[in-house]
Amino acid sequence: MLKWALIFFVISIVAGVLGFTGIAAGSAALAKILFFVAIALFVIFLVLGLTVFKAIK
C-alpha cells in the first residue's frame, strides 16, 4: 500500500510540474489517503501481533 502511495505521489509531482493541477491535486489526495490507511493498518496489526504473542506465550 505504501508502494501505491509513493506512485501516486510521484504522479502528483510530475503532473504539477507539467501544469496539470487538477490531476496533481487528485493524485496527491489519493496518496495521502493511502498513506494514512497503510499507517493505520500497520498499527492495528502491530497491536494484534503483540497481544496474540502474549496470549500464546
PDB file of N, CA and C in Angstrom:
ATOM      1  N   MET A   1       0.822  -1.181   0.000  1.00  0.00           N
ATOM      2  CA  MET A   1       0.000   0.000   0.000  1.00  0.00           C
ATOM      3  C   MET A   1       0.873   1.254   0.000  1.00  0.00           C
ATOM      4  N   LEU A   2       1.986   1.178   0.703  1.00  0.00           N
ATOM      5  CA  LEU A   2       2.902   2.318   0.672  1.00  0.00           C
ATOM      6  C   LEU A   2       3.497   2.504  -0.722  1.00  0.00           C
ATOM      7  N   LYS A   3       3.637   1.398  -1.437  1.00  0.00           N
ATOM      8  CA  LYS A   3       4.143   1.482  -2.811  1.00  0.00           C
ATOM      9  C   LYS A   3       3.182   2.295  -3.673  1.00  0.00           C
ATOM     10  N   TRP A   4       1.876   2.036  -3.522  1.00  0.00           N
ATOM     11  CA  TRP A   4       0.890   2.781  -4.298  1.00  0.00           C
ATOM     12  C   TRP A   4       0.849   4.245  -3.880  1.00  0.00           C
ATOM     13  N   ALA A   5       1.021   4.523  -2.600  1.00  0.00           N
ATOM     14  CA  ALA A   5       1.058   5.909  -2.133  1.00  0.00           C
ATOM     15  C   ALA A   5       2.242   6.641  -2.756  1.00  0.00           C
ATOM     16  N   LEU A   6       3.385   5.975  -2.825  1.00  0.00           N
ATOM     17  CA  LEU A   6       4.562   6.582  -3.432  1.00  0.00           C
ATOM     18  C   LEU A   6       4.363   6.806  -4.931  1.00  0.00           C
ATOM     19  N   ILE A   7       3.732   5.859  -5.604  1.00  0.00           N
ATOM     20  CA  ILE A   7       3.468   6.005  -7.037  1.00  0.00           C
ATOM     21  C   ILE A   7       2.557   7.200  -7.301  1.00  0.00           C
ATOM     22  N   PHE A   8       1.476   7.326  -6.515  1.00  0.00           N
ATOM     23  CA  PHE A   8       0.577   8.462  -6.712  1.00  0.00           C
ATOM     24  C   PHE A   8       1.241   9.781  -6.337  1.00  0.00           C
ATOM     25  N   PHE A   9       2.171   9.754  -5.372  1.00  0.00           N
ATOM     26  CA  PHE A   9       2.911  10.960  -5.029  1.00  0.00           C
ATOM     27  C   PHE A   9       3.791  11.407  -6.190  1.00  0.00           C
ATOM     28  N   VAL A  10       4.465  10.448  -6.810  1.00  0.00           N
ATOM     29  CA  VAL A  10       5.319  10.780  -7.966  1.00  0.00           C
ATOM     30  C   VAL A  10       4.472  11.284  -9.124  1.00  0.00           C
ATOM     31  N   ILE A  11       3.321  10.666  -9.350  1.00  0.00           N
ATOM     32  CA  ILE A  11       2.417  11.147 -10.400  1.00  0.00           C
ATOM     33  C   ILE A  11       1.988  12.572 -10.116  1.00  0.00           C
ATOM     34  N   SER A  12       1.713  12.863  -8.845  1.00  0.00           N
ATOM     35  CA  SER A  12       1.306  14.198  -8.448  1.00  0.00           C
ATOM     36  C   SER A  12       2.406  15.225  -8.714  1.00  0.00           C
ATOM     37  N   ILE A  13       3.631  14.874  -8.390  1.00  0.00           N
ATOM     38  CA  ILE A  13       4.750  15.788  -8.621  1.00  0.00           C
ATOM     39  C   ILE A  13       4.945  16.045 -10.111  1.00  0.00           C
ATOM     40  N   VAL A  14       4.918  14.984 -10.896  1.00  0.00           N
ATOM     41  CA  VAL A  14       5.116  15.132 -12.350  1.00  0.00           C
ATOM     42  C   VAL A  14       3.980  15.946 -12.966  1.00  0.00           C
ATOM     43  N   ALA A  15       2.758  15.669 -12.569  1.00  0.00           N
ATOM     44  CA  ALA A  15       1.620  16.418 -13.109  1.00  0.00           C
ATOM     45  C   ALA A  15       1.675  17.879 -12.686  1.00  0.00           C
ATOM     46  N   GLY A  16       2.123  18.138 -11.465  1.00  0.00           N
ATOM     47  CA  GLY A  16       2.258  19.522 -11.018  1.00  0.00           C
ATOM     48  C   GLY A  16       3.312  20.281 -11.790  1.00  0.00           C
ATOM     49  N   VAL A  17       4.416  19.618 -12.087  1.00  0.00           N
ATOM     50  CA  VAL A  17       5.483  20.263 -12.860  1.00  0.00           C
ATOM     51  C   VAL A  17       5.013  20.550 -14.283  1.00  0.00           C
ATOM     52  N   LEU A  18       4.218  19.644 -14.841  1.00  0.00           N
ATOM     53  CA  LEU A  18       3.741  19.833 -16.208  1.00  0.00           C
ATOM     54  C   LEU A  18       2.529  20.755 -16.302  1.00  0.00           C
ATOM     55  N   GLY A  19       1.973  21.155 -15.158  1.00  0.00           N
ATOM     56  CA  GLY A  19       0.886  22.112 -15.164  1.00  0.00           C
ATOM     57  C   GLY A  19      -0.507  21.518 -15.083  1.00  0.00           C
ATOM     58  N   PHE A  20      -0.616  20.233 -14.879  1.00  0.00           N
ATOM     59  CA  PHE A  20      -1.924  19.597 -14.742  1.00  0.00           C
ATOM     60  C   PHE A  20      -2.329  19.637 -13.270  1.00  0.00           C
ATOM     61  N   THR A  21      -2.845  20.782 -12.830  1.00  0.00           N
ATOM     62  CA  THR A  21      -3.086  20.978 -11.402  1.00  0.00           C
ATOM     63  C   THR A  21      -4.223  20.111 -10.877  1.00  0.00           C
ATOM     64  N   GLY A  22      -5.235  19.846 -11.675  1.00  0.00           N
ATOM     65  CA  GLY A  22      -6.341  19.002 -11.229  1.00  0.00           C
ATOM     66  C   GLY A  22      -5.902  17.572 -10.976  1.00  0.00           C
ATOM     67  N   ILE A  23      -5.130  17.049 -11.899  1.00  0.00           N
ATOM     68  CA  ILE A  23      -4.612  15.683 -11.743  1.00  0.00           C
ATOM     69  C   ILE A  23      -3.630  15.628 -10.581  1.00  0.00           C
ATOM     70  N   ALA A  24      -2.824  16.666 -10.429  1.00  0.00           N
ATOM     71  CA  ALA A  24      -1.854  16.707  -9.339  1.00  0.00           C
ATOM     72  C   ALA A  24      -2.559  16.723  -7.985  1.00  0.00           C
ATOM     73  N   ALA A  25      -3.593  17.515  -7.856  1.00  0.00           N
ATOM     74  CA  ALA A  25      -4.324  17.585  -6.582  1.00  0.00           C
ATOM     75  C   ALA A  25      -5.041  16.275  -6.284  1.00  0.00           C
ATOM     76  N   GLY A  26      -5.625  15.676  -7.300  1.00  0.00           N
ATOM     77  CA  GLY A  26      -6.325  14.407  -7.105  1.00  0.00           C
ATOM     78  C   GLY A  26      -5.397  13.285  -6.695  1.00  0.00           C
ATOM     79  N   SER A  27      -4.274  13.174  -7.359  1.00  0.00           N
ATOM     80  CA  SER A  27      -3.353  12.090  -7.020  1.00  0.00           C
ATOM     81  C   SER A  27      -2.650  12.356  -5.686  1.00  0.00           C
ATOM     82  N   ALA A  28      -2.454  13.612  -5.330  1.00  0.00           N
ATOM     83  CA  ALA A  28      -1.869  13.917  -4.016  1.00  0.00           C
ATOM     84  C   ALA A  28      -2.844  13.546  -2.906  1.00  0.00           C
ATOM     85  N   ALA A  29      -4.118  13.817  -3.110  1.00  0.00           N
ATOM     86  CA  ALA A  29      -5.123  13.445  -2.112  1.00  0.00           C
ATOM     87  C   ALA A  29      -5.209  11.927  -1.973  1.00  0.00           C
ATOM     88  N   LEU A  30      -5.168  11.233  -3.083  1.00  0.00           N
ATOM     89  CA  LEU A  30      -5.215   9.771  -3.050  1.00  0.00           C
ATOM     90  C   LEU A  30      -3.965   9.199  -2.376  1.00  0.00           C
ATOM     91  N   ALA A  31      -2.810   9.785  -2.641  1.00  0.00           N
ATOM     92  CA  ALA A  31      -1.576   9.330  -2.000  1.00  0.00           C
ATOM     93  C   ALA A  31      -1.647   9.546  -0.494  1.00  0.00           C
ATOM     94  N   LYS A  32      -2.218  10.671  -0.061  1.00  0.00           N
ATOM     95  CA  LYS A  32      -2.341  10.941   1.366  1.00  0.00           C
ATOM     96  C   LYS A  32      -3.279   9.944   2.041  1.00  0.00           C
ATOM     97  N   ILE A  33      -4.384   9.634   1.390  1.00  0.00           N
ATOM     98  CA  ILE A  33      -5.335   8.657   1.944  1.00  0.00           C
ATOM     99  C   ILE A  33      -4.686   7.285   2.049  1.00  0.00           C
ATOM    100  N   LEU A  34      -4.011   6.845   1.000  1.00  0.00           N
ATOM    101  CA  LEU A  34      -3.354   5.536   1.023  1.00  0.00           C
ATOM    102  C   LEU A  34      -2.271   5.467   2.089  1.00  0.00           C
ATOM    103  N   PHE A  35      -1.549   6.566   2.276  1.00  0.00           N
ATOM    104  CA  PHE A  35      -0.503   6.593   3.292  1.00  0.00           C
ATOM    105  C   PHE A  35      -1.093   6.417   4.684  1.00  0.00           C
ATOM    106  N   PHE A  36      -2.162   7.141   4.994  1.00  0.00           N
ATOM    107  CA  PHE A  36      -2.747   7.045   6.322  1.00  0.00           C
ATOM    108  C   PHE A  36      -3.450   5.701   6.544  1.00  0.00           C
ATOM    109  N   VAL A  37      -4.008   5.118   5.499  1.00  0.00           N
ATOM    110  CA  VAL A  37      -4.589   3.779   5.628  1.00  0.00           C
ATOM    111  C   VAL A  37      -3.483   2.760   5.913  1.00  0.00           C
ATOM    112  N   ALA A  38      -2.349   2.889   5.250  1.00  0.00           N
ATOM    113  CA  ALA A  38      -1.234   1.970   5.478  1.00  0.00           C
ATOM    114  C   ALA A  38      -0.703   2.111   6.904  1.00  0.00           C
ATOM    115  N   ILE A  39      -0.606   3.324   7.404  1.00  0.00           N
ATOM    116  CA  ILE A  39      -0.143   3.536   8.779  1.00  0.00           C
ATOM    117  C   ILE A  39      -1.143   2.956   9.771  1.00  0.00           C
ATOM    118  N   ALA A  40      -2.434   3.156   9.524  1.00  0.00           N
ATOM    119  CA  ALA A  40      -3.463   2.623  10.418  1.00  0.00           C
ATOM    120  C   ALA A  40      -3.419   1.096  10.436  1.00  0.00           C
ATOM    121  N   LEU A  41      -3.280   0.474   9.276  1.00  0.00           N
ATOM    122  CA  LEU A  41      -3.187  -0.985   9.217  1.00  0.00           C
ATOM    123  C   LEU A  41      -1.937  -1.496   9.927  1.00  0.00           C
ATOM    124  N   PHE A  42      -0.838  -0.772   9.800  1.00  0.00           N
ATOM    125  CA  PHE A  42       0.381  -1.157  10.488  1.00  0.00           C
ATOM    126  C   PHE A  42       0.189  -1.151  11.992  1.00  0.00           C
ATOM    127  N   VAL A  43      -0.430  -0.093  12.502  1.00  0.00           N
ATOM    128  CA  VAL A  43      -0.650  -0.001  13.951  1.00  0.00           C
ATOM    129  C   VAL A  43      -1.601  -1.097  14.427  1.00  0.00           C
ATOM    130  N   ILE A  44      -2.667  -1.353  13.681  1.00  0.00           N
ATOM    131  CA  ILE A  44      -3.626  -2.392  14.064  1.00  0.00           C
ATOM    132  C   ILE A  44      -2.949  -3.755  14.113  1.00  0.00           C
ATOM    133  N   PHE A  45      -2.182  -4.090  13.083  1.00  0.00           N
ATOM    134  CA  PHE A  45      -1.519  -5.392  13.059  1.00  0.00           C
ATOM    135  C   PHE A  45      -0.398  -5.481  14.092  1.00  0.00           C
ATOM    136  N   LEU A  46       0.239  -4.371  14.393  1.00  0.00           N
ATOM    137  CA  LEU A  46       1.255  -4.371  15.437  1.00  0.00           C
ATOM    138  C   LEU A  46       0.627  -4.677  16.796  1.00  0.00           C
ATOM    139  N   VAL A  47      -0.483  -4.033  17.107  1.00  0.00           N
ATOM    140  CA  VAL A  47      -1.167  -4.285  18.373  1.00  0.00           C
ATOM    141  C   VAL A  47      -1.687  -5.721  18.425  1.00  0.00           C
ATOM    142  N   LEU A  48      -2.290  -6.186  17.350  1.00  0.00           N
ATOM    143  CA  LEU A  48      -2.786  -7.567  17.317  1.00  0.00           C
ATOM    144  C   LEU A  48      -1.638  -8.560  17.454  1.00  0.00           C
ATOM    145  N   GLY A  49      -0.541  -8.318  16.814  1.00  0.00           N
ATOM    146  CA  GLY A  49       0.603  -9.213  16.914  1.00  0.00           C
ATOM    147  C   GLY A  49       1.170  -9.273  18.321  1.00  0.00           C
ATOM    148  N   LEU A  50       1.217  -8.149  18.983  1.00  0.00           N
ATOM    149  CA  LEU A  50       1.732  -8.140  20.345  1.00  0.00           C
ATOM    150  C   LEU A  50       0.771  -8.825  21.312  1.00  0.00           C
ATOM    151  N   THR A  51      -0.517  -8.654  21.111  1.00  0.00           N
ATOM    152  CA  THR A  51      -1.478  -9.280  22.025  1.00  0.00           C
ATOM    153  C   THR A  51      -1.582 -10.790  21.771  1.00  0.00           C
ATOM    154  N   VAL A  52      -1.544 -11.204  20.536  1.00  0.00           N
ATOM    155  CA  VAL A  52      -1.597 -12.633  20.233  1.00  0.00           C
ATOM    156  C   VAL A  52      -0.318 -13.314  20.719  1.00  0.00           C
ATOM    157  N   PHE A  53       0.796 -12.658  20.590  1.00  0.00           N
ATOM    158  CA  PHE A  53       2.057 -13.218  21.063  1.00  0.00           C
ATOM    159  C   PHE A  53       2.002 -13.449  22.575  1.00  0.00           C
ATOM    160  N   LYS A  54       1.447 -12.492  23.305  1.00  0.00           N
ATOM    161  CA  LYS A  54       1.339 -12.650  24.761  1.00  0.00           C
ATOM    162  C   LYS A  54       0.316 -13.721  25.118  1.00  0.00           C
ATOM    163  N   ALA A  55      -0.737 -13.867  24.334  1.00  0.00           N
ATOM    164  CA  ALA A  55      -1.757 -14.884  24.619  1.00  0.00           C
ATOM    165  C   ALA A  55      -1.216 -16.283  24.369  1.00  0.00           C
ATOM    166  N   ILE A  56      -0.375 -16.462  23.356  1.00  0.00           N
ATOM    167  CA  ILE A  56       0.193 -17.774  23.043  1.00  0.00           C
ATOM    168  C   ILE A  56       1.287 -18.133  24.046  1.00  0.00           C
ATOM    169  N   LYS A  57       2.064 -17.169  24.411  1.00  0.00           N
ATOM    170  CA  LYS A  57       3.185 -17.406  25.320  1.00  0.00           C
ATOM    171  C   LYS A  57       2.655 -17.669  26.693  1.00  0.00           C
TER     172      LYS A  57
END
